[in-house]
Amino acid sequence: MGGCDKKIYPSKQGVLTPGCVRLLLHRGASCFQGHGRRNSE
């Protein structure tokens, strides 16, 4: 699944790049913590 690194950034398996990168994820994807956190959205 993934987890968090030492800097508390979520990580995801299958990303084949060294270092940290910003991923474009859609709603419902694992590790997605973006917009719409409130129940009304």
N, C-alpha and C. Protein backbone atom coordinates (compact mmCIF):
# COMPACT_ATOMS: atom_id res chain seq x y z
N MET A 1 0.82 -1.20 0.00
CA MET A 1 0.00 0.00 0.00
C MET A 1 0.86 1.25 0.00
N GLY A 2 1.74 1.38 0.94
CA GLY A 2 2.54 2.60 1.06
C GLY A 2 2.80 2.88 2.51
N GLY A 3 2.64 4.09 2.91
CA GLY A 3 2.91 4.50 4.27
C GLY A 3 3.37 5.93 4.29
N CYS A 4 4.17 6.29 5.29
CA CYS A 4 4.70 7.64 5.39
C CYS A 4 6.21 7.56 5.60
N ASP A 5 6.93 8.53 5.02
CA ASP A 5 8.37 8.55 5.22
C ASP A 5 8.71 9.37 6.45
N LYS A 6 9.98 9.70 6.64
CA LYS A 6 10.42 10.42 7.83
C LYS A 6 9.86 11.83 7.91
N LYS A 7 9.51 12.42 6.77
CA LYS A 7 8.97 13.78 6.74
C LYS A 7 7.45 13.79 6.76
N ILE A 8 6.82 12.65 7.01
CA ILE A 8 5.36 12.50 7.10
C ILE A 8 4.68 12.78 5.76
N TYR A 9 5.34 12.47 4.65
CA TYR A 9 4.69 12.56 3.35
C TYR A 9 4.16 11.17 3.01
N PRO A 10 2.94 11.07 2.48
CA PRO A 10 2.44 9.76 2.10
C PRO A 10 3.24 9.20 0.93
N SER A 11 3.47 7.90 0.94
CA SER A 11 4.21 7.26 -0.15
C SER A 11 3.32 6.21 -0.79
N LYS A 12 3.63 5.88 -2.03
CA LYS A 12 2.82 4.94 -2.79
C LYS A 12 3.74 3.99 -3.53
N GLN A 13 3.41 2.70 -3.50
CA GLN A 13 4.21 1.72 -4.23
C GLN A 13 3.98 1.85 -5.73
N GLY A 14 5.00 1.53 -6.50
CA GLY A 14 4.87 1.54 -7.95
C GLY A 14 5.35 2.82 -8.60
N VAL A 15 5.82 3.80 -7.81
CA VAL A 15 6.35 5.04 -8.36
C VAL A 15 7.85 4.85 -8.49
N LEU A 16 8.35 4.81 -9.72
CA LEU A 16 9.73 4.43 -9.97
C LEU A 16 10.63 5.65 -10.18
N THR A 17 10.62 6.58 -9.24
CA THR A 17 11.49 7.74 -9.31
C THR A 17 12.23 7.89 -8.00
N PRO A 18 13.48 8.32 -8.05
CA PRO A 18 14.20 8.58 -6.80
C PRO A 18 13.72 9.89 -6.18
N GLY A 19 13.65 9.94 -4.89
CA GLY A 19 13.23 11.16 -4.20
C GLY A 19 11.72 11.31 -4.15
N CYS A 20 11.28 12.49 -3.76
CA CYS A 20 9.85 12.77 -3.62
C CYS A 20 9.32 13.43 -4.88
N VAL A 21 8.17 13.01 -5.32
CA VAL A 21 7.49 13.62 -6.46
C VAL A 21 6.04 13.87 -6.08
N ARG A 22 5.41 14.82 -6.75
CA ARG A 22 4.01 15.13 -6.51
C ARG A 22 3.17 14.33 -7.51
N LEU A 23 2.22 13.56 -7.00
CA LEU A 23 1.40 12.70 -7.85
C LEU A 23 0.05 13.34 -8.12
N LEU A 24 -0.46 13.13 -9.32
CA LEU A 24 -1.81 13.57 -9.67
C LEU A 24 -2.75 12.39 -9.44
N LEU A 25 -3.60 12.50 -8.42
CA LEU A 25 -4.49 11.40 -8.05
C LEU A 25 -5.93 11.84 -8.19
N HIS A 26 -6.81 10.91 -8.46
CA HIS A 26 -8.23 11.20 -8.54
C HIS A 26 -8.90 10.81 -7.22
N ARG A 27 -10.13 11.27 -7.03
CA ARG A 27 -10.87 10.93 -5.81
C ARG A 27 -11.03 9.42 -5.71
N GLY A 28 -10.83 8.90 -4.51
CA GLY A 28 -10.97 7.47 -4.29
C GLY A 28 -9.69 6.69 -4.46
N ALA A 29 -8.65 7.31 -4.98
CA ALA A 29 -7.36 6.62 -5.12
C ALA A 29 -6.71 6.49 -3.75
N SER A 30 -5.90 5.45 -3.59
CA SER A 30 -5.19 5.30 -2.32
C SER A 30 -4.20 6.44 -2.17
N CYS A 31 -3.99 6.90 -0.97
CA CYS A 31 -3.10 8.02 -0.63
C CYS A 31 -3.70 9.37 -1.00
N PHE A 32 -4.94 9.43 -1.50
CA PHE A 32 -5.54 10.71 -1.86
C PHE A 32 -6.05 11.39 -0.60
N GLN A 33 -5.58 12.61 -0.33
CA GLN A 33 -6.01 13.37 0.84
C GLN A 33 -6.35 14.80 0.43
N GLY A 34 -6.89 14.98 -0.73
CA GLY A 34 -7.07 16.32 -1.28
C GLY A 34 -8.36 16.99 -0.88
N HIS A 35 -8.92 17.74 -1.81
CA HIS A 35 -10.10 18.56 -1.57
C HIS A 35 -11.32 17.70 -1.26
N GLY A 36 -12.32 18.32 -0.66
CA GLY A 36 -13.56 17.62 -0.36
C GLY A 36 -13.51 16.80 0.91
N ARG A 37 -12.78 17.26 1.90
CA ARG A 37 -12.69 16.50 3.15
C ARG A 37 -13.96 16.63 3.97
N ARG A 38 -14.66 17.74 3.80
CA ARG A 38 -15.91 17.91 4.56
C ARG A 38 -17.00 17.03 3.97
N ASN A 39 -17.95 16.65 4.79
CA ASN A 39 -19.03 15.76 4.33
C ASN A 39 -19.95 16.43 3.33
N SER A 40 -20.05 17.78 3.36
CA SER A 40 -20.98 18.47 2.48
C SER A 40 -20.45 18.60 1.06
N GLU A 41 -19.18 18.29 0.82
CA GLU A 41 -18.63 18.43 -0.53
C GLU A 41 -18.50 17.10 -1.21
